């Protein structure tokens, strides 16, 4: 799985810091990946940020994920953060994400 360096993520540092604070507050035990145009280099100013939550038990919904979605909508983050659960995405899409992603948060084991 080609993990891309965090420095390649097309996101202003203050937005990244706010996002990581929200992740720690709402889904601290969950691994979170960013993927899509803000990772691949195809983003423009209005592009959303795609993230996927990967709980340690991939068949379970992480506690706090719905609160995270609400917090992201109410936050000062000036872009849409499109939040998904790994297990809710089609298996065919998993391979596309695994080709280039940025690890935003490590899950706790």
PDB file of N, CA and C in Angstrom:
ATOM      1  N   UNK A   1       0.829  -1.183   0.000  1.00  0.00           N
ATOM      2  CA  UNK A   1       0.000   0.000   0.000  1.00  0.00           C
ATOM      3  C   UNK A   1       0.876   1.249   0.000  1.00  0.00           C
ATOM      4  N   UNK A   2       0.859   2.034  -1.057  1.00  0.00           N
ATOM      5  CA  UNK A   2       1.705   3.218  -1.126  1.00  0.00           C
ATOM      6  C   UNK A   2       1.178   4.380  -0.286  1.00  0.00           C
ATOM      7  N   UNK A   3       1.678   4.484   0.898  1.00  0.00           N
ATOM      8  CA  UNK A   3       1.335   5.613   1.751  1.00  0.00           C
ATOM      9  C   UNK A   3       2.147   6.814   1.283  1.00  0.00           C
ATOM     10  N   UNK A   4       1.482   7.935   1.101  1.00  0.00           N
ATOM     11  CA  UNK A   4       2.124   9.151   0.636  1.00  0.00           C
ATOM     12  C   UNK A   4       2.489   9.994   1.853  1.00  0.00           C
ATOM     13  N   UNK A   5       3.599  10.688   1.778  1.00  0.00           N
ATOM     14  CA  UNK A   5       4.054  11.545   2.869  1.00  0.00           C
ATOM     15  C   UNK A   5       3.028  12.642   3.150  1.00  0.00           C
ATOM     16  N   UNK A   6       2.819  12.927   4.422  1.00  0.00           N
ATOM     17  CA  UNK A   6       1.859  13.949   4.856  1.00  0.00           C
ATOM     18  C   UNK A   6       2.132  15.299   4.200  1.00  0.00           C
ATOM     19  N   UNK A   7       3.384  15.598   3.908  1.00  0.00           N
ATOM     20  CA  UNK A   7       3.747  16.878   3.291  1.00  0.00           C
ATOM     21  C   UNK A   7       3.144  17.034   1.895  1.00  0.00           C
ATOM     22  N   UNK A   8       2.778  15.937   1.258  1.00  0.00           N
ATOM     23  CA  UNK A   8       2.178  16.004  -0.086  1.00  0.00           C
ATOM     24  C   UNK A   8       0.691  16.308  -0.043  1.00  0.00           C
ATOM     25  N   UNK A   9       0.080  16.286   1.122  1.00  0.00           N
ATOM     26  CA  UNK A   9      -1.348  16.562   1.238  1.00  0.00           C
ATOM     27  C   UNK A   9      -1.595  18.035   0.942  1.00  0.00           C
ATOM     28  N   UNK A  10      -2.462  18.309  -0.008  1.00  0.00           N
ATOM     29  CA  UNK A  10      -2.775  19.679  -0.422  1.00  0.00           C
ATOM     30  C   UNK A  10      -3.814  20.259   0.534  1.00  0.00           C
ATOM     31  N   UNK A  11      -3.312  20.727   1.677  1.00  0.00           N
ATOM     32  CA  UNK A  11      -4.166  21.261   2.730  1.00  0.00           C
ATOM     33  C   UNK A  11      -3.347  22.266   3.536  1.00  0.00           C
ATOM     34  N   UNK A  12      -3.880  23.457   3.769  1.00  0.00           N
ATOM     35  CA  UNK A  12      -3.138  24.432   4.569  1.00  0.00           C
ATOM     36  C   UNK A  12      -2.857  23.876   5.969  1.00  0.00           C
ATOM     37  N   UNK A  13      -1.702  24.203   6.557  1.00  0.00           N
ATOM     38  CA  UNK A  13      -1.331  23.678   7.869  1.00  0.00           C
ATOM     39  C   UNK A  13      -2.373  23.926   8.957  1.00  0.00           C
ATOM     40  N   UNK A  14      -3.007  25.088   8.986  1.00  0.00           N
ATOM     41  CA  UNK A  14      -4.007  25.366  10.023  1.00  0.00           C
ATOM     42  C   UNK A  14      -5.246  24.488   9.858  1.00  0.00           C
ATOM     43  N   UNK A  15      -5.596  24.170   8.608  1.00  0.00           N
ATOM     44  CA  UNK A  15      -6.740  23.287   8.341  1.00  0.00           C
ATOM     45  C   UNK A  15      -6.387  21.862   8.758  1.00  0.00           C
ATOM     46  N   UNK A  16      -5.179  21.425   8.433  1.00  0.00           N
ATOM     47  CA  UNK A  16      -4.721  20.096   8.837  1.00  0.00           C
ATOM     48  C   UNK A  16      -4.733  19.964  10.355  1.00  0.00           C
ATOM     49  N   UNK A  17      -4.232  20.983  11.051  1.00  0.00           N
ATOM     50  CA  UNK A  17      -4.195  20.948  12.518  1.00  0.00           C
ATOM     51  C   UNK A  17      -5.601  20.864  13.102  1.00  0.00           C
ATOM     52  N   UNK A  18      -6.529  21.629  12.564  1.00  0.00           N
ATOM     53  CA  UNK A  18      -7.919  21.597  13.032  1.00  0.00           C
ATOM     54  C   UNK A  18      -8.526  20.218  12.784  1.00  0.00           C
ATOM     55  N   UNK A  19      -8.292  19.671  11.605  1.00  0.00           N
ATOM     56  CA  UNK A  19      -8.800  18.340  11.263  1.00  0.00           C
ATOM     57  C   UNK A  19      -8.248  17.287  12.221  1.00  0.00           C
ATOM     58  N   UNK A  20      -6.948  17.316  12.458  1.00  0.00           N
ATOM     59  CA  UNK A  20      -6.348  16.320  13.347  1.00  0.00           C
ATOM     60  C   UNK A  20      -6.861  16.473  14.773  1.00  0.00           C
ATOM     61  N   UNK A  21      -7.119  17.693  15.228  1.00  0.00           N
ATOM     62  CA  UNK A  21      -7.704  17.894  16.556  1.00  0.00           C
ATOM     63  C   UNK A  21      -9.089  17.265  16.638  1.00  0.00           C
ATOM     64  N   UNK A  22      -9.894  17.444  15.587  1.00  0.00           N
ATOM     65  CA  UNK A  22     -11.240  16.864  15.576  1.00  0.00           C
ATOM     66  C   UNK A  22     -11.188  15.338  15.535  1.00  0.00           C
ATOM     67  N   UNK A  23     -10.244  14.789  14.784  1.00  0.00           N
ATOM     68  CA  UNK A  23     -10.095  13.336  14.730  1.00  0.00           C
ATOM     69  C   UNK A  23      -9.735  12.786  16.108  1.00  0.00           C
ATOM     70  N   UNK A  24      -8.787  13.430  16.774  1.00  0.00           N
ATOM     71  CA  UNK A  24      -8.382  12.985  18.113  1.00  0.00           C
ATOM     72  C   UNK A  24      -9.527  13.093  19.108  1.00  0.00           C
ATOM     73  N   UNK A  25     -10.339  14.119  18.977  1.00  0.00           N
ATOM     74  CA  UNK A  25     -11.444  14.335  19.916  1.00  0.00           C
ATOM     75  C   UNK A  25     -12.588  13.342  19.719  1.00  0.00           C
ATOM     76  N   UNK A  26     -12.845  12.948  18.479  1.00  0.00           N
ATOM     77  CA  UNK A  26     -14.049  12.154  18.206  1.00  0.00           C
ATOM     78  C   UNK A  26     -13.795  10.689  17.863  1.00  0.00           C
ATOM     79  N   UNK A  27     -12.674  10.393  17.220  1.00  0.00           N
ATOM     80  CA  UNK A  27     -12.376   8.999  16.850  1.00  0.00           C
ATOM     81  C   UNK A  27     -10.904   8.679  17.159  1.00  0.00           C
ATOM     82  N   UNK A  28     -10.495   8.830  18.414  1.00  0.00           N
ATOM     83  CA  UNK A  28      -9.078   8.711  18.764  1.00  0.00           C
ATOM     84  C   UNK A  28      -8.479   7.326  18.518  1.00  0.00           C
ATOM     85  N   UNK A  29      -9.275   6.295  18.498  1.00  0.00           N
ATOM     86  CA  UNK A  29      -8.773   4.931  18.342  1.00  0.00           C
ATOM     87  C   UNK A  29      -8.796   4.454  16.895  1.00  0.00           C
ATOM     88  N   UNK A  30      -9.198   5.313  15.989  1.00  0.00           N
ATOM     89  CA  UNK A  30      -9.431   4.910  14.604  1.00  0.00           C
ATOM     90  C   UNK A  30      -8.346   5.433  13.673  1.00  0.00           C
ATOM     91  N   UNK A  31      -7.859   4.550  12.813  1.00  0.00           N
ATOM     92  CA  UNK A  31      -6.929   4.967  11.770  1.00  0.00           C
ATOM     93  C   UNK A  31      -7.724   5.743  10.721  1.00  0.00           C
ATOM     94  N   UNK A  32      -7.147   6.850  10.253  1.00  0.00           N
ATOM     95  CA  UNK A  32      -7.833   7.703   9.276  1.00  0.00           C
ATOM     96  C   UNK A  32      -6.877   7.999   8.127  1.00  0.00           C
ATOM     97  N   UNK A  33      -7.383   7.793   6.913  1.00  0.00           N
ATOM     98  CA  UNK A  33      -6.623   8.067   5.701  1.00  0.00           C
ATOM     99  C   UNK A  33      -7.288   9.189   4.920  1.00  0.00           C
ATOM    100  N   UNK A  34      -6.482  10.028   4.292  1.00  0.00           N
ATOM    101  CA  UNK A  34      -6.954  10.975   3.289  1.00  0.00           C
ATOM    102  C   UNK A  34      -6.631  10.371   1.925  1.00  0.00           C
ATOM    103  N   UNK A  35      -7.494  10.612   0.955  1.00  0.00           N
ATOM    104  CA  UNK A  35      -7.259  10.100  -0.394  1.00  0.00           C
ATOM    105  C   UNK A  35      -7.916  11.059  -1.391  1.00  0.00           C
ATOM    106  N   UNK A  36      -7.777  10.771  -2.638  1.00  0.00           N
ATOM    107  CA  UNK A  36      -8.419  11.586  -3.666  1.00  0.00           C
ATOM    108  C   UNK A  36      -7.531  12.706  -4.174  1.00  0.00           C
ATOM    109  N   UNK A  37      -8.161  13.732  -4.720  1.00  0.00           N
ATOM    110  CA  UNK A  37      -7.424  14.775  -5.431  1.00  0.00           C
ATOM    111  C   UNK A  37      -6.461  15.563  -4.549  1.00  0.00           C
ATOM    112  N   UNK A  38      -6.760  15.709  -3.264  1.00  0.00           N
ATOM    113  CA  UNK A  38      -5.845  16.460  -2.390  1.00  0.00           C
ATOM    114  C   UNK A  38      -4.605  15.638  -2.033  1.00  0.00           C
ATOM    115  N   UNK A  39      -4.620  14.363  -2.358  1.00  0.00           N
ATOM    116  CA  UNK A  39      -3.445  13.507  -2.183  1.00  0.00           C
ATOM    117  C   UNK A  39      -2.733  13.314  -3.526  1.00  0.00           C
ATOM    118  N   UNK A  40      -3.505  13.148  -4.583  1.00  0.00           N
ATOM    119  CA  UNK A  40      -2.923  12.831  -5.893  1.00  0.00           C
ATOM    120  C   UNK A  40      -2.357  14.038  -6.624  1.00  0.00           C
ATOM    121  N   UNK A  41      -2.709  15.243  -6.171  1.00  0.00           N
ATOM    122  CA  UNK A  41      -2.188  16.438  -6.824  1.00  0.00           C
ATOM    123  C   UNK A  41      -3.157  17.076  -7.800  1.00  0.00           C
ATOM    124  N   UNK A  42      -4.349  16.543  -7.914  1.00  0.00           N
ATOM    125  CA  UNK A  42      -5.318  17.091  -8.866  1.00  0.00           C
ATOM    126  C   UNK A  42      -6.323  18.056  -8.265  1.00  0.00           C
ATOM    127  N   UNK A  43      -6.077  18.513  -7.053  1.00  0.00           N
ATOM    128  CA  UNK A  43      -7.041  19.375  -6.365  1.00  0.00           C
ATOM    129  C   UNK A  43      -6.975  20.812  -6.884  1.00  0.00           C
ATOM    130  N   UNK A  44      -8.098  21.490  -6.752  1.00  0.00           N
ATOM    131  CA  UNK A  44      -8.158  22.926  -7.002  1.00  0.00           C
ATOM    132  C   UNK A  44      -8.700  23.577  -5.734  1.00  0.00           C
ATOM    133  N   UNK A  45      -8.792  24.872  -5.715  1.00  0.00           N
ATOM    134  CA  UNK A  45      -9.160  25.600  -4.500  1.00  0.00           C
ATOM    135  C   UNK A  45     -10.462  25.097  -3.862  1.00  0.00           C
ATOM    136  N   UNK A  46     -11.437  24.733  -4.667  1.00  0.00           N
ATOM    137  CA  UNK A  46     -12.735  24.308  -4.145  1.00  0.00           C
ATOM    138  C   UNK A  46     -12.882  22.812  -3.938  1.00  0.00           C
ATOM    139  N   UNK A  47     -11.811  22.059  -4.116  1.00  0.00           N
ATOM    140  CA  UNK A  47     -11.891  20.605  -3.958  1.00  0.00           C
ATOM    141  C   UNK A  47     -12.198  20.217  -2.524  1.00  0.00           C
ATOM    142  N   UNK A  48     -12.980  19.144  -2.382  1.00  0.00           N
ATOM    143  CA  UNK A  48     -13.241  18.620  -1.044  1.00  0.00           C
ATOM    144  C   UNK A  48     -12.044  17.792  -0.589  1.00  0.00           C
ATOM    145  N   UNK A  49     -12.098  17.366   0.656  1.00  0.00           N
ATOM    146  CA  UNK A  49     -11.099  16.454   1.205  1.00  0.00           C
ATOM    147  C   UNK A  49     -11.810  15.145   1.495  1.00  0.00           C
ATOM    148  N   UNK A  50     -11.326  14.080   0.920  1.00  0.00           N
ATOM    149  CA  UNK A  50     -11.894  12.754   1.143  1.00  0.00           C
ATOM    150  C   UNK A  50     -11.106  12.063   2.236  1.00  0.00           C
ATOM    151  N   UNK A  51     -11.814  11.601   3.273  1.00  0.00           N
ATOM    152  CA  UNK A  51     -11.158  10.807   4.316  1.00  0.00           C
ATOM    153  C   UNK A  51     -11.949   9.525   4.528  1.00  0.00           C
ATOM    154  N   UNK A  52     -11.238   8.509   4.959  1.00  0.00           N
ATOM    155  CA  UNK A  52     -11.874   7.228   5.261  1.00  0.00           C
ATOM    156  C   UNK A  52     -11.393   6.768   6.631  1.00  0.00           C
ATOM    157  N   UNK A  53     -12.343   6.323   7.447  1.00  0.00           N
ATOM    158  CA  UNK A  53     -12.051   5.815   8.781  1.00  0.00           C
ATOM    159  C   UNK A  53     -11.899   4.307   8.694  1.00  0.00           C
ATOM    160  N   UNK A  54     -10.804   3.812   9.277  1.00  0.00           N
ATOM    161  CA  UNK A  54     -10.499   2.386   9.248  1.00  0.00           C
ATOM    162  C   UNK A  54     -10.347   1.884  10.682  1.00  0.00           C
ATOM    163  N   UNK A  55     -11.469   1.514  11.325  1.00  0.00           N
ATOM    164  CA  UNK A  55     -11.369   1.007  12.701  1.00  0.00           C
ATOM    165  C   UNK A  55     -10.602  -0.306  12.734  1.00  0.00           C
ATOM    166  N   UNK A  56     -10.037  -0.624  13.898  1.00  0.00           N
ATOM    167  CA  UNK A  56      -9.242  -1.848  14.014  1.00  0.00           C
ATOM    168  C   UNK A  56     -10.067  -3.088  13.664  1.00  0.00           C
ATOM    169  N   UNK A  57     -11.326  -3.104  14.046  1.00  0.00           N
ATOM    170  CA  UNK A  57     -12.243  -4.163  13.626  1.00  0.00           C
ATOM    171  C   UNK A  57     -13.048  -3.587  12.456  1.00  0.00           C
ATOM    172  N   UNK A  58     -12.641  -3.914  11.231  1.00  0.00           N
ATOM    173  CA  UNK A  58     -13.210  -3.270  10.055  1.00  0.00           C
ATOM    174  C   UNK A  58     -14.697  -3.522   9.867  1.00  0.00           C
ATOM    175  N   UNK A  59     -15.263  -4.437  10.627  1.00  0.00           N
ATOM    176  CA  UNK A  59     -16.697  -4.684  10.513  1.00  0.00           C
ATOM    177  C   UNK A  59     -17.497  -3.875  11.531  1.00  0.00           C
ATOM    178  N   UNK A  60     -16.821  -3.053  12.321  1.00  0.00           N
ATOM    179  CA  UNK A  60     -17.506  -2.254  13.337  1.00  0.00           C
ATOM    180  C   UNK A  60     -17.468  -0.779  12.983  1.00  0.00           C
ATOM    181  N   UNK A  61     -18.499  -0.094  13.404  1.00  0.00           N
ATOM    182  CA  UNK A  61     -18.564   1.356  13.231  1.00  0.00           C
ATOM    183  C   UNK A  61     -17.863   2.009  14.408  1.00  0.00           C
ATOM    184  N   UNK A  62     -16.873   2.880  14.153  1.00  0.00           N
ATOM    185  CA  UNK A  62     -16.163   3.494  15.280  1.00  0.00           C
ATOM    186  C   UNK A  62     -17.066   4.427  16.075  1.00  0.00           C
ATOM    187  N   UNK A  63     -16.952   4.327  17.387  1.00  0.00           N
ATOM    188  CA  UNK A  63     -17.702   5.236  18.254  1.00  0.00           C
ATOM    189  C   UNK A  63     -17.253   6.654  17.936  1.00  0.00           C
ATOM    190  N   UNK A  64     -18.185   7.551  17.850  1.00  0.00           N
ATOM    191  CA  UNK A  64     -17.866   8.955  17.634  1.00  0.00           C
ATOM    192  C   UNK A  64     -17.825   9.393  16.189  1.00  0.00           C
ATOM    193  N   UNK A  65     -18.031   8.495  15.254  1.00  0.00           N
ATOM    194  CA  UNK A  65     -17.882   8.900  13.848  1.00  0.00           C
ATOM    195  C   UNK A  65     -19.002   9.819  13.401  1.00  0.00           C
ATOM    196  N   UNK A  66     -20.204   9.627  13.890  1.00  0.00           N
ATOM    197  CA  UNK A  66     -21.296  10.542  13.527  1.00  0.00           C
ATOM    198  C   UNK A  66     -21.090  11.913  14.174  1.00  0.00           C
ATOM    199  N   UNK A  67     -20.568  11.912  15.404  1.00  0.00           N
ATOM    200  CA  UNK A  67     -20.223  13.177  16.053  1.00  0.00           C
ATOM    201  C   UNK A  67     -19.121  13.890  15.279  1.00  0.00           C
ATOM    202  N   UNK A  68     -18.171  13.126  14.752  1.00  0.00           N
ATOM    203  CA  UNK A  68     -17.108  13.705  13.937  1.00  0.00           C
ATOM    204  C   UNK A  68     -17.693  14.393  12.709  1.00  0.00           C
ATOM    205  N   UNK A  69     -18.605  13.727  12.027  1.00  0.00           N
ATOM    206  CA  UNK A  69     -19.210  14.322  10.834  1.00  0.00           C
ATOM    207  C   UNK A  69     -19.895  15.642  11.171  1.00  0.00           C
ATOM    208  N   UNK A  70     -20.620  15.674  12.285  1.00  0.00           N
ATOM    209  CA  UNK A  70     -21.270  16.915  12.718  1.00  0.00           C
ATOM    210  C   UNK A  70     -20.241  17.986  13.058  1.00  0.00           C
ATOM    211  N   UNK A  71     -19.205  17.599  13.788  1.00  0.00           N
ATOM    212  CA  UNK A  71     -18.166  18.559  14.181  1.00  0.00           C
ATOM    213  C   UNK A  71     -17.455  19.138  12.962  1.00  0.00           C
ATOM    214  N   UNK A  72     -17.217  18.316  11.951  1.00  0.00           N
ATOM    215  CA  UNK A  72     -16.572  18.805  10.733  1.00  0.00           C
ATOM    216  C   UNK A  72     -17.451  19.838  10.029  1.00  0.00           C
ATOM    217  N   UNK A  73     -18.754  19.586   9.988  1.00  0.00           N
ATOM    218  CA  UNK A  73     -19.675  20.528   9.347  1.00  0.00           C
ATOM    219  C   UNK A  73     -19.730  21.854  10.096  1.00  0.00           C
ATOM    220  N   UNK A  74     -19.589  21.809  11.404  1.00  0.00           N
ATOM    221  CA  UNK A  74     -19.685  23.017  12.218  1.00  0.00           C
ATOM    222  C   UNK A  74     -18.331  23.684  12.451  1.00  0.00           C
ATOM    223  N   UNK A  75     -17.281  23.085  11.963  1.00  0.00           N
ATOM    224  CA  UNK A  75     -15.927  23.593  12.219  1.00  0.00           C
ATOM    225  C   UNK A  75     -15.604  24.789  11.325  1.00  0.00           C
ATOM    226  N   UNK A  76     -14.445  25.354  11.578  1.00  0.00           N
ATOM    227  CA  UNK A  76     -13.934  26.475  10.777  1.00  0.00           C
ATOM    228  C   UNK A  76     -13.185  25.989   9.536  1.00  0.00           C
ATOM    229  N   UNK A  77     -13.209  24.711   9.279  1.00  0.00           N
ATOM    230  CA  UNK A  77     -12.535  24.166   8.093  1.00  0.00           C
ATOM    231  C   UNK A  77     -13.282  24.680   6.859  1.00  0.00           C
ATOM    232  N   UNK A  78     -12.595  25.393   5.966  1.00  0.00           N
ATOM    233  CA  UNK A  78     -13.273  26.068   4.865  1.00  0.00           C
ATOM    234  C   UNK A  78     -13.566  25.209   3.636  1.00  0.00           C
ATOM    235  N   UNK A  79     -13.388  23.903   3.757  1.00  0.00           N
ATOM    236  CA  UNK A  79     -13.697  23.002   2.647  1.00  0.00           C
ATOM    237  C   UNK A  79     -14.590  21.885   3.162  1.00  0.00           C
ATOM    238  N   UNK A  80     -15.244  21.217   2.256  1.00  0.00           N
ATOM    239  CA  UNK A  80     -16.061  20.059   2.610  1.00  0.00           C
ATOM    240  C   UNK A  80     -15.132  18.884   2.883  1.00  0.00           C
ATOM    241  N   UNK A  81     -15.351  18.217   4.008  1.00  0.00           N
ATOM    242  CA  UNK A  81     -14.603  17.005   4.327  1.00  0.00           C
ATOM    243  C   UNK A  81     -15.588  15.845   4.175  1.00  0.00           C
ATOM    244  N   UNK A  82     -15.381  15.067   3.143  1.00  0.00           N
ATOM    245  CA  UNK A  82     -16.242  13.939   2.819  1.00  0.00           C
ATOM    246  C   UNK A  82     -15.735  12.716   3.582  1.00  0.00           C
ATOM    247  N   UNK A  83     -16.501  12.270   4.564  1.00  0.00           N
ATOM    248  CA  UNK A  83     -16.063  11.244   5.504  1.00  0.00           C
ATOM    249  C   UNK A  83     -16.764   9.916   5.223  1.00  0.00           C
ATOM    250  N   UNK A  84     -15.966   8.851   5.115  1.00  0.00           N
ATOM    251  CA  UNK A  84     -16.499   7.521   4.819  1.00  0.00           C
ATOM    252  C   UNK A  84     -15.969   6.497   5.813  1.00  0.00           C
ATOM    253  N   UNK A  85     -16.689   5.406   5.942  1.00  0.00           N
ATOM    254  CA  UNK A  85     -16.208   4.227   6.666  1.00  0.00           C
ATOM    255  C   UNK A  85     -15.698   3.228   5.632  1.00  0.00           C
ATOM    256  N   UNK A  86     -14.530   2.676   5.899  1.00  0.00           N
ATOM    257  CA  UNK A  86     -13.909   1.721   4.977  1.00  0.00           C
ATOM    258  C   UNK A  86     -14.874   0.618   4.577  1.00  0.00           C
ATOM    259  N   UNK A  87     -15.558   0.055   5.556  1.00  0.00           N
ATOM    260  CA  UNK A  87     -16.421  -1.089   5.280  1.00  0.00           C
ATOM    261  C   UNK A  87     -17.677  -0.727   4.488  1.00  0.00           C
ATOM    262  N   UNK A  88     -17.994   0.557   4.376  1.00  0.00           N
ATOM    263  CA  UNK A  88     -19.164   0.975   3.604  1.00  0.00           C
ATOM    264  C   UNK A  88     -18.815   1.305   2.149  1.00  0.00           C
ATOM    265  N   UNK A  89     -17.538   1.355   1.840  1.00  0.00           N
ATOM    266  CA  UNK A  89     -17.116   1.615   0.463  1.00  0.00           C
ATOM    267  C   UNK A  89     -17.038   0.299  -0.302  1.00  0.00           C
ATOM    268  N   UNK A  90     -17.347   0.329  -1.584  1.00  0.00           N
ATOM    269  CA  UNK A  90     -17.229  -0.906  -2.380  1.00  0.00           C
ATOM    270  C   UNK A  90     -15.794  -1.432  -2.361  1.00  0.00           C
ATOM    271  N   UNK A  91     -15.662  -2.744  -2.321  1.00  0.00           N
ATOM    272  CA  UNK A  91     -14.339  -3.371  -2.293  1.00  0.00           C
ATOM    273  C   UNK A  91     -13.492  -2.933  -3.483  1.00  0.00           C
ATOM    274  N   UNK A  92     -14.118  -2.695  -4.619  1.00  0.00           N
ATOM    275  CA  UNK A  92     -13.371  -2.262  -5.802  1.00  0.00           C
ATOM    276  C   UNK A  92     -12.736  -0.886  -5.592  1.00  0.00           C
ATOM    277  N   UNK A  93     -13.320  -0.076  -4.737  1.00  0.00           N
ATOM    278  CA  UNK A  93     -12.800   1.257  -4.452  1.00  0.00           C
ATOM    279  C   UNK A  93     -11.626   1.207  -3.476  1.00  0.00           C
ATOM    280  N   UNK A  94     -11.565   0.165  -2.668  1.00  0.00           N
ATOM    281  CA  UNK A  94     -10.461   0.012  -1.714  1.00  0.00           C
ATOM    282  C   UNK A  94      -9.116   0.033  -2.438  1.00  0.00           C
ATOM    283  N   UNK A  95      -9.029  -0.685  -3.534  1.00  0.00           N
ATOM    284  CA  UNK A  95      -7.779  -0.739  -4.292  1.00  0.00           C
ATOM    285  C   UNK A  95      -7.357   0.619  -4.819  1.00  0.00           C
ATOM    286  N   UNK A  96      -8.314   1.410  -5.258  1.00  0.00           N
ATOM    287  CA  UNK A  96      -7.992   2.755  -5.746  1.00  0.00           C
ATOM    288  C   UNK A  96      -7.424   3.615  -4.621  1.00  0.00           C
ATOM    289  N   UNK A  97      -8.035   3.537  -3.455  1.00  0.00           N
ATOM    290  CA  UNK A  97      -7.563   4.323  -2.308  1.00  0.00           C
ATOM    291  C   UNK A  97      -6.166   3.869  -1.899  1.00  0.00           C
ATOM    292  N   UNK A  98      -5.940   2.559  -1.889  1.00  0.00           N
ATOM    293  CA  UNK A  98      -4.652   2.012  -1.463  1.00  0.00           C
ATOM    294  C   UNK A  98      -3.496   2.404  -2.385  1.00  0.00           C
ATOM    295  N   UNK A  99      -3.800   2.884  -3.580  1.00  0.00           N
ATOM    296  CA  UNK A  99      -2.738   3.292  -4.504  1.00  0.00           C
ATOM    297  C   UNK A  99      -2.073   4.595  -4.077  1.00  0.00           C
ATOM    298  N   UNK A 100      -2.791   5.451  -3.348  1.00  0.00           N
ATOM    299  CA  UNK A 100      -2.208   6.709  -2.868  1.00  0.00           C
ATOM    300  C   UNK A 100      -3.094   7.268  -1.761  1.00  0.00           C
ATOM    301  N   UNK A 101      -2.559   7.269  -0.557  1.00  0.00           N
ATOM    302  CA  UNK A 101      -3.287   7.822   0.581  1.00  0.00           C
ATOM    303  C   UNK A 101      -2.293   8.440   1.553  1.00  0.00           C
ATOM    304  N   UNK A 102      -2.810   9.305   2.406  1.00  0.00           N
ATOM    305  CA  UNK A 102      -2.008   9.917   3.463  1.00  0.00           C
ATOM    306  C   UNK A 102      -2.588   9.470   4.795  1.00  0.00           C
ATOM    307  N   UNK A 103      -1.744   8.972   5.660  1.00  0.00           N
ATOM    308  CA  UNK A 103      -2.165   8.583   7.003  1.00  0.00           C
ATOM    309  C   UNK A 103      -2.313   9.852   7.843  1.00  0.00           C
ATOM    310  N   UNK A 104      -3.538  10.177   8.214  1.00  0.00           N
ATOM    311  CA  UNK A 104      -3.806  11.365   9.035  1.00  0.00           C
ATOM    312  C   UNK A 104      -3.730  11.051  10.517  1.00  0.00           C
ATOM    313  N   UNK A 105      -4.099   9.815  10.860  1.00  0.00           N
ATOM    314  CA  UNK A 105      -4.106   9.418  12.280  1.00  0.00           C
ATOM    315  C   UNK A 105      -3.926   7.913  12.361  1.00  0.00           C
ATOM    316  N   UNK A 106      -3.051   7.508  13.238  1.00  0.00           N
ATOM    317  CA  UNK A 106      -2.861   6.073  13.504  1.00  0.00           C
ATOM    318  C   UNK A 106      -3.962   5.600  14.446  1.00  0.00           C
ATOM    319  N   UNK A 107      -4.417   4.395  14.227  1.00  0.00           N
ATOM    320  CA  UNK A 107      -5.367   3.798  15.145  1.00  0.00           C
ATOM    321  C   UNK A 107      -4.638   3.257  16.365  1.00  0.00           C
ATOM    322  N   UNK A 108      -5.340   3.161  17.439  1.00  0.00           N
ATOM    323  CA  UNK A 108      -4.762   2.557  18.648  1.00  0.00           C
ATOM    324  C   UNK A 108      -5.105   1.092  18.674  1.00  0.00           C
ATOM    325  N   UNK A 109      -4.138   0.303  19.024  1.00  0.00           N
ATOM    326  CA  UNK A 109      -4.354  -1.159  19.059  1.00  0.00           C
ATOM    327  C   UNK A 109      -4.663  -1.584  20.480  1.00  0.00           C
TER     328      UNK A 109
END
